[in-house]
């Protein structure tokens, strides 16, 4: 059985900055790597020049190469065209592109705290509303292991407190164990098989 891993958009920056080859570190025969549709949208919105003026083209190339080499799959929730906002990217997938939302995911999105975090938020540069990607990543933590650098108080940290499997990436974690070893120890404590949705 493979261990399913969901990458938050900021995890890519961490992996790139440390020149971690995920094909070597997380081989496809042992790990199934996913991104949510919302994270895919955020990745597509990365401009060539960062807010701080630094060149982001190498980061974008690293992500594109990693996605292709590792067969990173996009996870999307099924929804008809009307479910997507009139203005902005299509976060929901159609037939053959997505799966129905699980009961656990529906329960996550119905929570008052989740609703308050995503409804009525202004759109970001990606076209998604604030916390929309975080909500999707957080929901996936109940089905697989999430890799993120997002340590701020919010939906992902709440999911971790509620039993979601979240690895908050840091150099301290990697000082004593490889990423692969850490994920094996997290994956062995509970089944983490995930199907693209």
N, C-alpha and C. Protein backbone atom coordinates (compact mmCIF):
# COMPACT_ATOMS: atom_id res chain seq x y z
N UNK A 1 0.84 -1.19 0.00
CA UNK A 1 0.00 0.00 0.00
C UNK A 1 0.89 1.25 0.00
N UNK A 2 0.51 2.22 -0.80
CA UNK A 2 1.26 3.47 -0.85
C UNK A 2 0.70 4.44 0.18
N UNK A 3 1.54 5.38 0.58
CA UNK A 3 1.13 6.44 1.49
C UNK A 3 0.75 7.65 0.64
N UNK A 4 -0.44 8.16 0.87
CA UNK A 4 -0.94 9.31 0.11
C UNK A 4 -0.51 10.61 0.78
N UNK A 5 0.02 11.53 -0.03
CA UNK A 5 0.55 12.79 0.47
C UNK A 5 -0.07 13.92 -0.35
N UNK A 6 -0.60 14.93 0.34
CA UNK A 6 -1.18 16.12 -0.30
C UNK A 6 -0.24 17.29 -0.04
N UNK A 7 0.17 17.97 -1.10
CA UNK A 7 1.07 19.12 -0.96
C UNK A 7 0.30 20.43 -0.99
N UNK A 8 0.50 21.25 0.03
CA UNK A 8 -0.02 22.61 0.04
C UNK A 8 0.87 23.43 -0.90
N UNK A 9 0.37 24.54 -1.40
CA UNK A 9 1.16 25.32 -2.36
C UNK A 9 2.48 25.81 -1.75
N UNK A 10 2.49 26.17 -0.46
CA UNK A 10 3.72 26.66 0.15
C UNK A 10 4.75 25.55 0.39
N UNK A 11 4.31 24.30 0.39
CA UNK A 11 5.25 23.18 0.55
C UNK A 11 6.21 23.12 -0.63
N UNK A 12 5.73 23.50 -1.80
CA UNK A 12 6.60 23.51 -2.98
C UNK A 12 7.79 24.45 -2.78
N UNK A 13 7.54 25.62 -2.18
CA UNK A 13 8.62 26.57 -1.92
C UNK A 13 9.67 25.95 -1.00
N UNK A 14 9.20 25.30 0.06
CA UNK A 14 10.10 24.65 1.02
C UNK A 14 10.95 23.59 0.33
N UNK A 15 10.32 22.73 -0.44
CA UNK A 15 11.04 21.66 -1.13
C UNK A 15 12.03 22.22 -2.15
N UNK A 16 11.61 23.25 -2.88
CA UNK A 16 12.48 23.88 -3.88
C UNK A 16 13.69 24.54 -3.21
N UNK A 17 13.45 25.32 -2.15
CA UNK A 17 14.54 26.03 -1.47
C UNK A 17 15.59 25.08 -0.92
N UNK A 18 15.20 23.85 -0.61
CA UNK A 18 16.13 22.86 -0.06
C UNK A 18 16.58 21.84 -1.10
N UNK A 19 16.22 22.10 -2.35
CA UNK A 19 16.60 21.23 -3.48
C UNK A 19 16.25 19.77 -3.22
N UNK A 20 15.05 19.52 -2.67
CA UNK A 20 14.60 18.16 -2.41
C UNK A 20 13.97 17.60 -3.68
N UNK A 21 14.53 16.52 -4.15
CA UNK A 21 14.00 15.82 -5.33
C UNK A 21 12.92 14.87 -4.84
N UNK A 22 11.65 15.24 -5.04
CA UNK A 22 10.58 14.41 -4.49
C UNK A 22 10.48 13.07 -5.21
N UNK A 23 10.97 12.98 -6.43
CA UNK A 23 10.98 11.69 -7.12
C UNK A 23 11.90 10.71 -6.39
N UNK A 24 13.00 11.21 -5.87
CA UNK A 24 13.94 10.37 -5.11
C UNK A 24 13.45 10.19 -3.67
N UNK A 25 13.04 11.26 -3.05
CA UNK A 25 12.64 11.23 -1.63
C UNK A 25 11.30 10.52 -1.41
N UNK A 26 10.38 10.70 -2.35
CA UNK A 26 9.05 10.09 -2.23
C UNK A 26 8.76 9.27 -3.50
N UNK A 27 9.42 8.14 -3.66
CA UNK A 27 9.26 7.36 -4.89
C UNK A 27 7.82 6.91 -5.11
N UNK A 28 7.37 6.90 -6.37
CA UNK A 28 5.97 6.60 -6.68
C UNK A 28 5.52 5.20 -6.28
N UNK A 29 6.44 4.27 -6.12
CA UNK A 29 6.01 2.94 -5.67
C UNK A 29 5.69 2.91 -4.17
N UNK A 30 6.06 3.97 -3.45
CA UNK A 30 5.79 4.05 -2.01
C UNK A 30 4.84 5.19 -1.63
N UNK A 31 4.79 6.22 -2.48
CA UNK A 31 3.99 7.40 -2.17
C UNK A 31 3.14 7.81 -3.37
N UNK A 32 1.91 8.18 -3.11
CA UNK A 32 1.04 8.78 -4.12
C UNK A 32 0.92 10.25 -3.75
N UNK A 33 1.31 11.13 -4.65
CA UNK A 33 1.34 12.56 -4.35
C UNK A 33 0.19 13.26 -5.06
N UNK A 34 -0.48 14.13 -4.31
CA UNK A 34 -1.65 14.85 -4.80
C UNK A 34 -1.51 16.34 -4.51
N UNK A 35 -2.24 17.13 -5.29
CA UNK A 35 -2.51 18.53 -4.96
C UNK A 35 -4.01 18.72 -5.14
N UNK A 36 -4.59 19.62 -4.38
CA UNK A 36 -6.01 19.92 -4.58
C UNK A 36 -6.13 20.80 -5.82
N UNK A 37 -7.30 20.85 -6.39
CA UNK A 37 -7.54 21.72 -7.55
C UNK A 37 -7.24 23.17 -7.17
N UNK A 38 -7.57 23.54 -5.93
CA UNK A 38 -7.33 24.91 -5.48
C UNK A 38 -5.83 25.22 -5.44
N UNK A 39 -5.03 24.27 -4.99
CA UNK A 39 -3.57 24.46 -4.99
C UNK A 39 -3.05 24.53 -6.43
N UNK A 40 -3.61 23.71 -7.31
CA UNK A 40 -3.23 23.77 -8.72
C UNK A 40 -3.48 25.18 -9.28
N UNK A 41 -4.61 25.77 -8.91
CA UNK A 41 -4.93 27.13 -9.35
C UNK A 41 -3.92 28.12 -8.80
N UNK A 42 -3.56 27.98 -7.52
CA UNK A 42 -2.57 28.88 -6.92
C UNK A 42 -1.21 28.74 -7.62
N UNK A 43 -0.83 27.52 -7.94
CA UNK A 43 0.45 27.29 -8.62
C UNK A 43 0.44 27.95 -10.00
N UNK A 44 -0.65 27.80 -10.73
CA UNK A 44 -0.76 28.41 -12.06
C UNK A 44 -0.69 29.93 -12.00
N UNK A 45 -1.07 30.50 -10.86
CA UNK A 45 -1.09 31.96 -10.71
C UNK A 45 0.26 32.54 -10.27
N UNK A 46 1.25 31.69 -10.03
CA UNK A 46 2.57 32.20 -9.62
C UNK A 46 3.14 33.01 -10.78
N UNK A 47 3.46 34.26 -10.50
CA UNK A 47 4.03 35.12 -11.55
C UNK A 47 5.53 34.87 -11.65
N UNK A 48 6.12 35.33 -12.73
CA UNK A 48 7.56 35.15 -12.91
C UNK A 48 8.37 35.93 -11.89
N UNK A 49 7.82 37.05 -11.43
CA UNK A 49 8.49 37.87 -10.43
C UNK A 49 7.68 37.86 -9.14
N UNK A 50 8.32 37.51 -8.03
CA UNK A 50 7.65 37.47 -6.74
C UNK A 50 7.36 38.86 -6.21
N UNK A 51 6.58 38.94 -5.14
CA UNK A 51 6.25 40.23 -4.52
C UNK A 51 7.50 40.97 -4.07
N UNK A 52 8.53 40.19 -3.71
CA UNK A 52 9.79 40.78 -3.26
C UNK A 52 10.75 41.06 -4.42
N UNK A 53 10.28 40.84 -5.65
CA UNK A 53 11.09 41.11 -6.83
C UNK A 53 11.98 39.95 -7.26
N UNK A 54 11.97 38.85 -6.51
CA UNK A 54 12.84 37.72 -6.89
C UNK A 54 12.22 36.93 -8.04
N UNK A 55 13.09 36.32 -8.81
CA UNK A 55 12.69 35.55 -9.99
C UNK A 55 12.08 34.22 -9.56
N UNK A 56 10.86 33.95 -9.98
CA UNK A 56 10.14 32.73 -9.60
C UNK A 56 10.13 31.68 -10.72
N UNK A 57 10.80 31.96 -11.82
CA UNK A 57 10.76 31.02 -12.95
C UNK A 57 11.36 29.66 -12.60
N UNK A 58 12.43 29.63 -11.81
CA UNK A 58 13.03 28.34 -11.43
C UNK A 58 12.10 27.55 -10.52
N UNK A 59 11.41 28.23 -9.62
CA UNK A 59 10.42 27.57 -8.77
C UNK A 59 9.32 26.96 -9.62
N UNK A 60 8.81 27.73 -10.56
CA UNK A 60 7.74 27.24 -11.44
C UNK A 60 8.20 26.02 -12.24
N UNK A 61 9.43 26.07 -12.73
CA UNK A 61 9.98 24.94 -13.49
C UNK A 61 10.14 23.71 -12.60
N UNK A 62 10.60 23.93 -11.36
CA UNK A 62 10.74 22.83 -10.40
C UNK A 62 9.39 22.17 -10.15
N UNK A 63 8.36 22.97 -9.97
CA UNK A 63 7.02 22.42 -9.72
C UNK A 63 6.54 21.64 -10.95
N UNK A 64 6.67 22.24 -12.13
CA UNK A 64 6.23 21.57 -13.36
C UNK A 64 6.96 20.24 -13.57
N UNK A 65 8.28 20.26 -13.37
CA UNK A 65 9.07 19.03 -13.54
C UNK A 65 8.67 17.98 -12.50
N UNK A 66 8.50 18.41 -11.26
CA UNK A 66 8.13 17.48 -10.19
C UNK A 66 6.76 16.86 -10.43
N UNK A 67 5.82 17.68 -10.87
CA UNK A 67 4.46 17.18 -11.16
C UNK A 67 4.53 16.12 -12.26
N UNK A 68 5.29 16.40 -13.31
CA UNK A 68 5.38 15.47 -14.43
C UNK A 68 6.13 14.18 -14.05
N UNK A 69 7.28 14.32 -13.40
CA UNK A 69 8.10 13.15 -13.06
C UNK A 69 7.45 12.25 -12.02
N UNK A 70 6.70 12.84 -11.11
CA UNK A 70 6.14 12.09 -9.99
C UNK A 70 4.68 11.74 -10.17
N UNK A 71 4.16 12.03 -11.34
CA UNK A 71 2.75 11.74 -11.60
C UNK A 71 1.86 12.31 -10.49
N UNK A 72 2.13 13.55 -10.12
CA UNK A 72 1.32 14.22 -9.10
C UNK A 72 -0.08 14.39 -9.67
N UNK A 73 -1.07 13.94 -8.93
CA UNK A 73 -2.45 13.99 -9.40
C UNK A 73 -3.21 15.11 -8.71
N UNK A 74 -4.13 15.68 -9.45
CA UNK A 74 -4.97 16.74 -8.90
C UNK A 74 -6.26 16.14 -8.36
N UNK A 75 -6.59 16.55 -7.16
CA UNK A 75 -7.81 16.10 -6.49
C UNK A 75 -8.84 17.22 -6.58
N UNK A 76 -10.00 16.92 -7.12
CA UNK A 76 -11.06 17.93 -7.25
C UNK A 76 -12.39 17.36 -6.80
N UNK A 77 -13.24 18.23 -6.32
CA UNK A 77 -14.59 17.86 -5.92
C UNK A 77 -15.51 18.05 -7.11
N UNK A 78 -16.41 17.08 -7.31
CA UNK A 78 -17.34 17.15 -8.43
C UNK A 78 -18.34 18.28 -8.22
N UNK A 79 -18.61 19.00 -9.30
CA UNK A 79 -19.62 20.04 -9.28
C UNK A 79 -19.93 20.47 -10.71
N UNK A 80 -21.16 20.84 -10.95
CA UNK A 80 -21.54 21.33 -12.28
C UNK A 80 -21.01 22.74 -12.46
N UNK A 81 -21.02 23.22 -13.68
CA UNK A 81 -20.45 24.54 -14.00
C UNK A 81 -21.05 25.64 -13.12
N UNK A 82 -22.32 25.50 -12.76
CA UNK A 82 -22.98 26.52 -11.94
C UNK A 82 -22.36 26.63 -10.55
N UNK A 83 -21.69 25.57 -10.09
CA UNK A 83 -21.08 25.60 -8.76
C UNK A 83 -19.83 26.47 -8.72
N UNK A 84 -19.21 26.69 -9.88
CA UNK A 84 -18.03 27.54 -9.95
C UNK A 84 -18.47 29.00 -10.02
N UNK A 85 -17.66 29.90 -9.46
CA UNK A 85 -18.03 31.31 -9.52
C UNK A 85 -18.06 31.82 -10.95
N UNK A 86 -18.93 32.81 -11.21
CA UNK A 86 -19.04 33.38 -12.55
C UNK A 86 -17.71 34.00 -12.99
N UNK A 87 -17.05 34.64 -12.05
CA UNK A 87 -15.75 35.24 -12.33
C UNK A 87 -14.71 34.50 -11.50
N UNK A 88 -13.72 33.99 -12.16
CA UNK A 88 -12.67 33.29 -11.43
C UNK A 88 -12.48 31.88 -11.94
N UNK A 89 -11.49 31.20 -11.41
CA UNK A 89 -11.16 29.86 -11.90
C UNK A 89 -12.17 28.81 -11.45
N UNK A 90 -12.24 27.74 -12.20
CA UNK A 90 -13.16 26.63 -11.89
C UNK A 90 -12.49 25.69 -10.89
N UNK A 91 -12.94 25.74 -9.65
CA UNK A 91 -12.38 24.87 -8.62
C UNK A 91 -13.02 23.49 -8.63
N UNK A 92 -14.25 23.41 -9.11
CA UNK A 92 -14.94 22.11 -9.16
C UNK A 92 -14.64 21.43 -10.48
N UNK A 93 -14.61 20.11 -10.46
CA UNK A 93 -14.38 19.33 -11.66
C UNK A 93 -15.64 18.65 -12.12
N UNK A 94 -15.67 18.26 -13.38
CA UNK A 94 -16.84 17.60 -13.95
C UNK A 94 -16.66 16.09 -14.03
N UNK A 95 -17.49 15.47 -14.87
CA UNK A 95 -17.43 14.03 -15.06
C UNK A 95 -16.04 13.62 -15.54
N UNK A 96 -15.49 12.58 -14.95
CA UNK A 96 -14.17 12.11 -15.33
C UNK A 96 -13.02 12.94 -14.79
N UNK A 97 -13.32 14.01 -14.07
CA UNK A 97 -12.29 14.89 -13.54
C UNK A 97 -12.29 14.96 -12.03
N UNK A 98 -13.36 14.55 -11.40
CA UNK A 98 -13.50 14.75 -9.96
C UNK A 98 -14.38 13.66 -9.37
N UNK A 99 -14.42 13.62 -8.05
CA UNK A 99 -15.29 12.68 -7.36
C UNK A 99 -16.23 13.44 -6.44
N UNK A 100 -17.24 12.75 -5.99
CA UNK A 100 -18.18 13.37 -5.06
C UNK A 100 -17.50 13.63 -3.73
N UNK A 101 -17.97 14.65 -3.06
CA UNK A 101 -17.42 14.99 -1.75
C UNK A 101 -17.80 13.91 -0.74
N UNK A 102 -16.84 13.49 0.07
CA UNK A 102 -17.11 12.46 1.08
C UNK A 102 -17.95 13.06 2.21
N UNK A 103 -18.56 12.19 3.00
CA UNK A 103 -19.32 12.66 4.17
C UNK A 103 -18.42 13.46 5.10
N UNK A 104 -17.20 12.99 5.29
CA UNK A 104 -16.26 13.68 6.17
C UNK A 104 -15.92 15.07 5.63
N UNK A 105 -15.72 15.18 4.32
CA UNK A 105 -15.44 16.49 3.71
C UNK A 105 -16.65 17.41 3.86
N UNK A 106 -17.84 16.88 3.62
CA UNK A 106 -19.06 17.70 3.77
C UNK A 106 -19.18 18.20 5.20
N UNK A 107 -18.92 17.33 6.16
CA UNK A 107 -18.98 17.74 7.57
C UNK A 107 -17.96 18.84 7.85
N UNK A 108 -16.77 18.72 7.27
CA UNK A 108 -15.73 19.74 7.47
C UNK A 108 -16.20 21.10 6.93
N UNK A 109 -16.75 21.09 5.72
CA UNK A 109 -17.19 22.34 5.11
C UNK A 109 -18.43 22.92 5.79
N UNK A 110 -19.24 22.08 6.44
CA UNK A 110 -20.44 22.57 7.14
C UNK A 110 -20.12 23.22 8.48
N UNK A 111 -18.95 22.96 9.02
CA UNK A 111 -18.57 23.52 10.33
C UNK A 111 -18.69 25.05 10.30
N UNK A 112 -19.16 25.59 11.39
CA UNK A 112 -19.32 27.05 11.49
C UNK A 112 -17.98 27.76 11.29
N UNK A 113 -16.90 27.24 11.88
CA UNK A 113 -15.58 27.87 11.74
C UNK A 113 -15.10 27.83 10.29
N UNK A 114 -15.36 26.74 9.61
CA UNK A 114 -14.95 26.64 8.21
C UNK A 114 -15.73 27.64 7.37
N UNK A 115 -17.04 27.66 7.57
CA UNK A 115 -17.89 28.60 6.83
C UNK A 115 -17.44 30.04 7.05
N UNK A 116 -17.17 30.40 8.31
CA UNK A 116 -16.75 31.77 8.63
C UNK A 116 -15.40 32.11 7.99
N UNK A 117 -14.58 31.10 7.79
CA UNK A 117 -13.25 31.33 7.21
C UNK A 117 -13.25 31.50 5.70
N UNK A 118 -14.29 30.98 5.04
CA UNK A 118 -14.26 31.03 3.57
C UNK A 118 -15.34 31.89 2.93
N UNK A 119 -16.47 32.07 3.60
CA UNK A 119 -17.56 32.83 2.98
C UNK A 119 -17.32 34.33 3.07
N UNK A 120 -17.57 35.02 1.97
CA UNK A 120 -17.47 36.48 1.94
C UNK A 120 -16.06 37.03 1.95
N UNK A 121 -15.09 36.20 1.71
CA UNK A 121 -13.70 36.65 1.69
C UNK A 121 -13.36 37.21 0.31
N UNK A 122 -12.54 38.26 0.27
CA UNK A 122 -12.16 38.82 -1.04
C UNK A 122 -11.27 37.85 -1.82
N UNK A 123 -11.30 38.02 -3.13
CA UNK A 123 -10.48 37.16 -3.99
C UNK A 123 -9.01 37.57 -3.90
N UNK A 124 -8.15 36.57 -4.06
CA UNK A 124 -6.71 36.79 -4.08
C UNK A 124 -6.25 36.85 -5.53
N UNK A 125 -4.95 37.00 -5.74
CA UNK A 125 -4.39 37.07 -7.09
C UNK A 125 -4.68 35.84 -7.94
N UNK A 126 -4.89 34.71 -7.29
CA UNK A 126 -5.18 33.47 -8.01
C UNK A 126 -6.61 33.42 -8.52
N UNK A 127 -7.46 34.32 -8.01
CA UNK A 127 -8.88 34.28 -8.34
C UNK A 127 -9.70 33.52 -7.33
N UNK A 128 -9.03 32.82 -6.42
CA UNK A 128 -9.73 32.11 -5.34
C UNK A 128 -10.01 33.08 -4.21
N UNK A 129 -11.03 32.79 -3.43
CA UNK A 129 -11.29 33.63 -2.26
C UNK A 129 -10.32 33.23 -1.15
N UNK A 130 -10.11 34.15 -0.22
CA UNK A 130 -9.23 33.88 0.90
C UNK A 130 -9.63 32.60 1.62
N UNK A 131 -8.67 31.78 1.96
CA UNK A 131 -8.84 30.52 2.69
C UNK A 131 -9.50 29.40 1.89
N UNK A 132 -9.85 29.63 0.64
CA UNK A 132 -10.50 28.58 -0.16
C UNK A 132 -9.56 27.39 -0.34
N UNK A 133 -8.30 27.66 -0.66
CA UNK A 133 -7.34 26.57 -0.83
C UNK A 133 -7.04 25.90 0.50
N UNK A 134 -6.91 26.70 1.57
CA UNK A 134 -6.65 26.13 2.89
C UNK A 134 -7.76 25.19 3.33
N UNK A 135 -9.01 25.54 3.02
CA UNK A 135 -10.14 24.68 3.39
C UNK A 135 -10.04 23.33 2.69
N UNK A 136 -9.69 23.34 1.41
CA UNK A 136 -9.56 22.09 0.65
C UNK A 136 -8.40 21.24 1.16
N UNK A 137 -7.27 21.89 1.42
CA UNK A 137 -6.10 21.17 1.93
C UNK A 137 -6.41 20.60 3.31
N UNK A 138 -7.04 21.39 4.16
CA UNK A 138 -7.39 20.93 5.51
C UNK A 138 -8.31 19.72 5.45
N UNK A 139 -9.32 19.76 4.59
CA UNK A 139 -10.26 18.64 4.46
C UNK A 139 -9.53 17.37 4.03
N UNK A 140 -8.52 17.51 3.19
CA UNK A 140 -7.80 16.33 2.71
C UNK A 140 -6.94 15.69 3.79
N UNK A 141 -6.65 16.42 4.87
CA UNK A 141 -5.80 15.87 5.93
C UNK A 141 -6.46 14.71 6.68
N UNK A 142 -7.75 14.52 6.49
CA UNK A 142 -8.45 13.40 7.13
C UNK A 142 -8.36 12.13 6.29
N UNK A 143 -7.81 12.26 5.06
CA UNK A 143 -7.69 11.13 4.14
C UNK A 143 -6.25 10.79 3.80
N UNK A 144 -5.35 11.74 3.99
CA UNK A 144 -3.95 11.54 3.64
C UNK A 144 -3.08 12.49 4.47
N UNK A 145 -1.79 12.44 4.27
CA UNK A 145 -0.88 13.32 5.02
C UNK A 145 -0.67 14.60 4.22
N UNK A 146 -0.88 15.73 4.87
CA UNK A 146 -0.69 17.04 4.25
C UNK A 146 0.69 17.57 4.60
N UNK A 147 1.41 18.07 3.60
CA UNK A 147 2.67 18.78 3.82
C UNK A 147 2.41 20.26 3.62
N UNK A 148 2.73 21.05 4.63
CA UNK A 148 2.50 22.50 4.56
C UNK A 148 3.55 23.24 5.38
N UNK A 149 3.70 24.51 5.09
CA UNK A 149 4.53 25.40 5.90
C UNK A 149 3.64 26.40 6.64
N UNK A 150 2.35 26.26 6.49
CA UNK A 150 1.37 27.20 7.03
C UNK A 150 1.16 26.96 8.52
N UNK A 151 1.93 27.67 9.35
CA UNK A 151 1.87 27.46 10.79
C UNK A 151 0.92 28.43 11.49
N UNK A 152 0.35 29.35 10.72
CA UNK A 152 -0.55 30.32 11.34
C UNK A 152 -1.84 29.64 11.81
N UNK A 153 -2.49 30.24 12.74
CA UNK A 153 -3.76 29.71 13.25
C UNK A 153 -4.77 29.80 12.12
N UNK A 154 -5.40 28.70 11.80
CA UNK A 154 -6.37 28.70 10.72
C UNK A 154 -6.91 27.32 10.48
N UNK A 155 -7.47 27.12 9.30
CA UNK A 155 -8.16 25.87 8.99
C UNK A 155 -7.24 24.65 9.01
N UNK A 156 -6.02 24.79 8.52
CA UNK A 156 -5.12 23.63 8.49
C UNK A 156 -4.70 23.23 9.90
N UNK A 157 -4.37 24.21 10.74
CA UNK A 157 -4.01 23.88 12.12
C UNK A 157 -5.21 23.32 12.89
N UNK A 158 -6.41 23.83 12.59
CA UNK A 158 -7.61 23.28 13.24
C UNK A 158 -7.84 21.83 12.82
N UNK A 159 -7.63 21.54 11.55
CA UNK A 159 -7.78 20.15 11.07
C UNK A 159 -6.80 19.24 11.80
N UNK A 160 -5.57 19.72 11.98
CA UNK A 160 -4.56 18.92 12.70
C UNK A 160 -5.01 18.65 14.13
N UNK A 161 -5.58 19.66 14.78
CA UNK A 161 -6.07 19.49 16.15
C UNK A 161 -7.23 18.51 16.22
N UNK A 162 -7.98 18.40 15.14
CA UNK A 162 -9.14 17.50 15.10
C UNK A 162 -8.78 16.10 14.57
N UNK A 163 -7.50 15.82 14.44
CA UNK A 163 -7.08 14.48 14.03
C UNK A 163 -6.57 14.37 12.61
N UNK A 164 -6.57 15.47 11.87
CA UNK A 164 -6.03 15.44 10.52
C UNK A 164 -4.52 15.22 10.57
N UNK A 165 -4.01 14.55 9.55
CA UNK A 165 -2.56 14.27 9.49
C UNK A 165 -1.87 15.40 8.75
N UNK A 166 -1.17 16.25 9.50
CA UNK A 166 -0.51 17.41 8.92
C UNK A 166 0.95 17.43 9.37
N UNK A 167 1.86 17.55 8.43
CA UNK A 167 3.27 17.75 8.74
C UNK A 167 3.59 19.20 8.42
N UNK A 168 3.85 19.98 9.47
CA UNK A 168 4.25 21.37 9.31
C UNK A 168 5.76 21.36 9.04
N UNK A 169 6.13 21.54 7.79
CA UNK A 169 7.52 21.41 7.35
C UNK A 169 8.44 22.42 8.04
N UNK A 170 9.59 21.94 8.47
CA UNK A 170 10.60 22.83 9.04
C UNK A 170 11.96 22.15 8.93
N UNK A 171 13.01 22.95 9.00
CA UNK A 171 14.36 22.40 8.96
C UNK A 171 14.63 21.53 10.18
N UNK A 172 13.99 21.84 11.32
CA UNK A 172 14.17 21.04 12.53
C UNK A 172 13.73 19.59 12.29
N UNK A 173 12.60 19.42 11.59
CA UNK A 173 12.12 18.06 11.30
C UNK A 173 13.15 17.28 10.47
N UNK A 174 13.73 17.95 9.50
CA UNK A 174 14.63 17.27 8.57
C UNK A 174 16.06 17.15 9.09
N UNK A 175 16.32 17.72 10.26
CA UNK A 175 17.67 17.65 10.83
C UNK A 175 18.01 16.23 11.29
N UNK A 176 17.01 15.49 11.75
CA UNK A 176 17.29 14.16 12.31
C UNK A 176 16.73 13.01 11.47
N UNK A 177 15.76 13.30 10.59
CA UNK A 177 15.15 12.26 9.77
C UNK A 177 14.91 12.80 8.36
N UNK A 178 14.86 11.90 7.42
CA UNK A 178 14.51 12.31 6.06
C UNK A 178 13.00 12.51 5.98
N UNK A 179 12.56 13.22 4.98
CA UNK A 179 11.13 13.43 4.77
C UNK A 179 10.44 12.08 4.60
N UNK A 180 11.07 11.19 3.89
CA UNK A 180 10.52 9.84 3.68
C UNK A 180 10.31 9.12 5.01
N UNK A 181 11.29 9.17 5.90
CA UNK A 181 11.18 8.51 7.20
C UNK A 181 10.05 9.11 8.03
N UNK A 182 9.94 10.43 8.01
CA UNK A 182 8.88 11.10 8.78
C UNK A 182 7.52 10.66 8.26
N UNK A 183 7.35 10.65 6.95
CA UNK A 183 6.06 10.27 6.37
C UNK A 183 5.73 8.80 6.62
N UNK A 184 6.74 7.94 6.59
CA UNK A 184 6.50 6.52 6.92
C UNK A 184 6.00 6.39 8.35
N UNK A 185 6.60 7.14 9.28
CA UNK A 185 6.16 7.04 10.68
C UNK A 185 4.75 7.59 10.85
N UNK A 186 4.40 8.64 10.11
CA UNK A 186 3.04 9.17 10.18
C UNK A 186 2.05 8.23 9.51
N UNK A 187 2.45 7.65 8.39
CA UNK A 187 1.57 6.78 7.62
C UNK A 187 1.31 5.45 8.27
N UNK A 188 2.25 4.99 9.09
CA UNK A 188 2.08 3.68 9.71
C UNK A 188 1.10 3.71 10.87
N UNK A 189 0.80 4.91 11.37
CA UNK A 189 -0.11 4.99 12.52
C UNK A 189 -1.58 4.87 12.12
N UNK A 190 -1.85 4.97 10.83
CA UNK A 190 -3.24 4.87 10.37
C UNK A 190 -3.23 4.72 8.85
N UNK A 191 -4.24 4.13 8.32
CA UNK A 191 -4.31 3.96 6.86
C UNK A 191 -4.37 5.32 6.19
N UNK A 192 -3.55 5.50 5.16
CA UNK A 192 -3.53 6.79 4.47
C UNK A 192 -3.72 6.63 2.97
N UNK A 193 -4.39 5.60 2.57
CA UNK A 193 -4.69 5.41 1.14
C UNK A 193 -5.75 6.42 0.73
N UNK A 194 -5.51 7.14 -0.33
CA UNK A 194 -6.39 8.20 -0.78
C UNK A 194 -6.62 8.03 -2.27
N UNK A 195 -7.79 8.24 -2.70
CA UNK A 195 -8.09 8.19 -4.13
C UNK A 195 -8.33 9.61 -4.62
N UNK A 196 -7.83 9.92 -5.80
CA UNK A 196 -8.05 11.26 -6.37
C UNK A 196 -9.53 11.51 -6.45
N UNK A 197 -9.91 12.69 -6.01
CA UNK A 197 -11.34 13.00 -6.02
C UNK A 197 -11.63 14.11 -6.99
